[in-house]
Amino acid sequence: MRIRSTIAAVTIAAAALTACASSNPSSKPTPSYASDSVTARCRAEHWPQPMPDVRGKHFDPLDKDLQCFDNVKAIAPDGHDVMNDSADQTQSWTVTASKPATGVKVTTATPITLVLRAAD
């Protein structure tokens, strides 16, 4: 009877270990974001880094120079933030200045303010 109990316990343990094992034991856990995603690229960069020069560029909140920043305001000449105004999605803007200025060390959490003008 004791042998049957031992065999049963070993069989259950082996089944549990087999069920928990992956088909490729050498594989690493997959991160929750795709390796080619913006999040992965931003996390892989070394921070802080210099604020990119966006002056004179067409304003695009999805531009690669701005994608890593969590706190971006884009201020139109009348003082409103175009980032929070769906009516401005059809308006074309050009960046005239940034705060912090180009070259100042920033992190992804640094508040970024872009000053805009209507594009020509």
C-alpha atoms as a PDB file:
ATOM      1  CA  MET A   1       0.000   0.000   0.000  1.00  0.00           C
ATOM      2  CA  ARG A   2       2.860   2.356   0.833  1.00  0.00           C
ATOM      3  CA  ILE A   3       4.456   1.736  -2.590  1.00  0.00           C
ATOM      4  CA  ARG A   4       1.189   2.630  -4.325  1.00  0.00           C
ATOM      5  CA  SER A   5       0.972   5.884  -2.331  1.00  0.00           C
ATOM      6  CA  THR A   6       4.562   6.777  -3.238  1.00  0.00           C
ATOM      7  CA  ILE A   7       4.010   5.962  -6.930  1.00  0.00           C
ATOM      8  CA  ALA A   8       0.813   8.023  -6.954  1.00  0.00           C
ATOM      9  CA  ALA A   9       2.555  10.991  -5.311  1.00  0.00           C
ATOM     10  CA  VAL A  10       5.472  10.828  -7.778  1.00  0.00           C
ATOM     11  CA  THR A  11       3.086  10.551 -10.726  1.00  0.00           C
ATOM     12  CA  ILE A  12       1.070  13.583  -9.581  1.00  0.00           C
ATOM     13  CA  ALA A  13       4.239  15.617  -8.987  1.00  0.00           C
ATOM     14  CA  ALA A  14       5.612  14.679 -12.421  1.00  0.00           C
ATOM     15  CA  ALA A  15       2.322  15.628 -14.097  1.00  0.00           C
ATOM     16  CA  ALA A  16       2.268  18.976 -12.311  1.00  0.00           C
ATOM     17  CA  LEU A  17       5.853  19.762 -13.312  1.00  0.00           C
ATOM     18  CA  THR A  18       5.177  18.770 -16.910  1.00  0.00           C
ATOM     19  CA  ALA A  19       2.096  20.980 -17.048  1.00  0.00           C
ATOM     20  CA  CYS A  20       4.051  23.960 -15.686  1.00  0.00           C
ATOM     21  CA  ALA A  21       7.009  23.541 -18.008  1.00  0.00           C
ATOM     22  CA  SER A  22       7.052  25.465 -21.278  1.00  0.00           C
ATOM     23  CA  SER A  23       7.549  23.813 -24.629  1.00  0.00           C
ATOM     24  CA  ASN A  24      10.823  25.717 -24.899  1.00  0.00           C
ATOM     25  CA  PRO A  25      12.439  25.799 -21.448  1.00  0.00           C
ATOM     26  CA  SER A  26      15.214  28.152 -22.573  1.00  0.00           C
ATOM     27  CA  SER A  27      12.820  30.881 -23.722  1.00  0.00           C
ATOM     28  CA  LYS A  28      12.588  34.093 -21.732  1.00  0.00           C
ATOM     29  CA  PRO A  29       9.281  35.554 -20.557  1.00  0.00           C
ATOM     30  CA  THR A  30       7.704  37.830 -23.130  1.00  0.00           C
ATOM     31  CA  PRO A  31       7.290  41.439 -22.015  1.00  0.00           C
ATOM     32  CA  SER A  32       3.774  42.852 -21.999  1.00  0.00           C
ATOM     33  CA  TYR A  33       4.618  45.197 -24.881  1.00  0.00           C
ATOM     34  CA  ALA A  34       5.810  44.320 -28.367  1.00  0.00           C
ATOM     35  CA  SER A  35       9.576  44.553 -28.816  1.00  0.00           C
ATOM     36  CA  ASP A  36       9.156  46.949 -31.746  1.00  0.00           C
ATOM     37  CA  SER A  37       6.690  49.214 -29.947  1.00  0.00           C
ATOM     38  CA  VAL A  38       7.279  52.810 -28.953  1.00  0.00           C
ATOM     39  CA  THR A  39       7.180  51.809 -25.290  1.00  0.00           C
ATOM     40  CA  ALA A  40       9.958  49.278 -25.788  1.00  0.00           C
ATOM     41  CA  ARG A  41      12.079  51.763 -27.731  1.00  0.00           C
ATOM     42  CA  CYS A  42      11.615  54.461 -25.101  1.00  0.00           C
ATOM     43  CA  ARG A  43      12.393  52.101 -22.234  1.00  0.00           C
ATOM     44  CA  ALA A  44      15.547  50.947 -23.993  1.00  0.00           C
ATOM     45  CA  GLU A  45      16.917  54.485 -24.329  1.00  0.00           C
ATOM     46  CA  HIS A  46      19.218  55.957 -21.686  1.00  0.00           C
ATOM     47  CA  TRP A  47      17.645  58.801 -19.715  1.00  0.00           C
ATOM     48  CA  PRO A  48      18.089  61.674 -19.109  1.00  0.00           C
ATOM     49  CA  GLN A  49      19.012  62.811 -22.591  1.00  0.00           C
ATOM     50  CA  PRO A  50      19.102  66.152 -24.413  1.00  0.00           C
ATOM     51  CA  MET A  51      15.798  67.710 -25.411  1.00  0.00           C
ATOM     52  CA  PRO A  52      15.557  67.245 -29.192  1.00  0.00           C
ATOM     53  CA  ASP A  53      15.528  70.271 -31.480  1.00  0.00           C
ATOM     54  CA  VAL A  54      11.954  70.470 -32.742  1.00  0.00           C
ATOM     55  CA  ARG A  55      11.998  74.174 -33.656  1.00  0.00           C
ATOM     56  CA  GLY A  56      10.795  74.835 -37.193  1.00  0.00           C
ATOM     57  CA  LYS A  57       9.359  71.330 -37.514  1.00  0.00           C
ATOM     58  CA  HIS A  58       5.784  70.469 -38.344  1.00  0.00           C
ATOM     59  CA  PHE A  59       4.041  69.676 -35.049  1.00  0.00           C
ATOM     60  CA  ASP A  60       3.040  66.036 -34.842  1.00  0.00           C
ATOM     61  CA  PRO A  61       2.421  64.561 -31.371  1.00  0.00           C
ATOM     62  CA  LEU A  62       3.325  61.138 -32.783  1.00  0.00           C
ATOM     63  CA  ASP A  63       6.679  62.329 -34.127  1.00  0.00           C
ATOM     64  CA  LYS A  64       9.552  60.083 -33.058  1.00  0.00           C
ATOM     65  CA  ASP A  65      11.199  63.026 -31.260  1.00  0.00           C
ATOM     66  CA  LEU A  66       8.152  63.428 -28.979  1.00  0.00           C
ATOM     67  CA  GLN A  67       6.833  59.878 -28.553  1.00  0.00           C
ATOM     68  CA  CYS A  68       8.767  59.080 -25.377  1.00  0.00           C
ATOM     69  CA  PHE A  69       7.482  62.074 -23.421  1.00  0.00           C
ATOM     70  CA  ASP A  70       4.506  61.590 -21.102  1.00  0.00           C
ATOM     71  CA  ASN A  71       3.695  65.244 -20.433  1.00  0.00           C
ATOM     72  CA  VAL A  72       3.614  67.383 -23.590  1.00  0.00           C
ATOM     73  CA  LYS A  73       1.690  70.628 -23.970  1.00  0.00           C
ATOM     74  CA  ALA A  74       1.476  72.329 -27.351  1.00  0.00           C
ATOM     75  CA  ILE A  75       0.433  75.941 -26.961  1.00  0.00           C
ATOM     76  CA  ALA A  76      -1.228  77.798 -29.849  1.00  0.00           C
ATOM     77  CA  PRO A  77      -0.831  81.581 -30.286  1.00  0.00           C
ATOM     78  CA  ASP A  78      -4.133  82.187 -28.455  1.00  0.00           C
ATOM     79  CA  GLY A  79      -2.824  80.263 -25.425  1.00  0.00           C
ATOM     80  CA  HIS A  80      -4.842  77.052 -25.638  1.00  0.00           C
ATOM     81  CA  ASP A  81      -3.273  73.587 -25.588  1.00  0.00           C
ATOM     82  CA  VAL A  82      -3.873  71.958 -28.985  1.00  0.00           C
ATOM     83  CA  MET A  83      -3.151  68.541 -27.464  1.00  0.00           C
ATOM     84  CA  ASN A  84      -6.533  68.725 -25.702  1.00  0.00           C
ATOM     85  CA  ASP A  85      -8.564  70.253 -28.533  1.00  0.00           C
ATOM     86  CA  SER A  86     -10.030  67.861 -31.087  1.00  0.00           C
ATOM     87  CA  ALA A  87     -10.969  70.817 -33.323  1.00  0.00           C
ATOM     88  CA  ASP A  88      -7.262  71.506 -33.851  1.00  0.00           C
ATOM     89  CA  GLN A  89      -6.600  68.076 -35.331  1.00  0.00           C
ATOM     90  CA  THR A  90      -7.212  69.516 -38.789  1.00  0.00           C
ATOM     91  CA  GLN A  91      -5.058  72.609 -38.170  1.00  0.00           C
ATOM     92  CA  SER A  92      -1.421  72.401 -39.222  1.00  0.00           C
ATOM     93  CA  TRP A  93       1.118  73.809 -36.753  1.00  0.00           C
ATOM     94  CA  THR A  94       4.837  74.587 -36.700  1.00  0.00           C
ATOM     95  CA  VAL A  95       6.913  74.487 -33.511  1.00  0.00           C
ATOM     96  CA  THR A  96       8.599  77.835 -32.775  1.00  0.00           C
ATOM     97  CA  ALA A  97      10.119  77.057 -29.351  1.00  0.00           C
ATOM     98  CA  SER A  98      10.324  74.441 -26.631  1.00  0.00           C
ATOM     99  CA  LYS A  99      10.619  74.523 -22.866  1.00  0.00           C
ATOM    100  CA  PRO A 100      12.962  73.054 -21.772  1.00  0.00           C
ATOM    101  CA  ALA A 101      15.179  74.398 -24.510  1.00  0.00           C
ATOM    102  CA  THR A 102      16.965  72.239 -27.046  1.00  0.00           C
ATOM    103  CA  GLY A 103      19.845  70.337 -25.454  1.00  0.00           C
ATOM    104  CA  VAL A 104      18.652  70.522 -21.823  1.00  0.00           C
ATOM    105  CA  LYS A 105      18.703  67.063 -20.181  1.00  0.00           C
ATOM    106  CA  VAL A 106      15.174  65.645 -19.839  1.00  0.00           C
ATOM    107  CA  THR A 107      13.475  62.416 -18.815  1.00  0.00           C
ATOM    108  CA  THR A 108      10.284  60.859 -20.145  1.00  0.00           C
ATOM    109  CA  ALA A 109       8.395  62.484 -17.254  1.00  0.00           C
ATOM    110  CA  THR A 110       9.771  66.000 -17.756  1.00  0.00           C
ATOM    111  CA  PRO A 111       6.956  68.458 -18.584  1.00  0.00           C
ATOM    112  CA  ILE A 112       7.494  69.619 -22.181  1.00  0.00           C
ATOM    113  CA  THR A 113       5.852  72.783 -23.523  1.00  0.00           C
ATOM    114  CA  LEU A 114       5.963  73.507 -27.228  1.00  0.00           C
ATOM    115  CA  VAL A 115       5.066  76.938 -28.574  1.00  0.00           C
ATOM    116  CA  LEU A 116       3.255  76.749 -31.918  1.00  0.00           C
ATOM    117  CA  ARG A 117       2.287  78.983 -34.799  1.00  0.00           C
ATOM    118  CA  ALA A 118      -0.043  78.237 -37.683  1.00  0.00           C
ATOM    119  CA  ALA A 119       1.870  76.493 -40.461  1.00  0.00           C
ATOM    120  CA  ASP A 120       2.379  78.351 -43.723  1.00  0.00           C
END
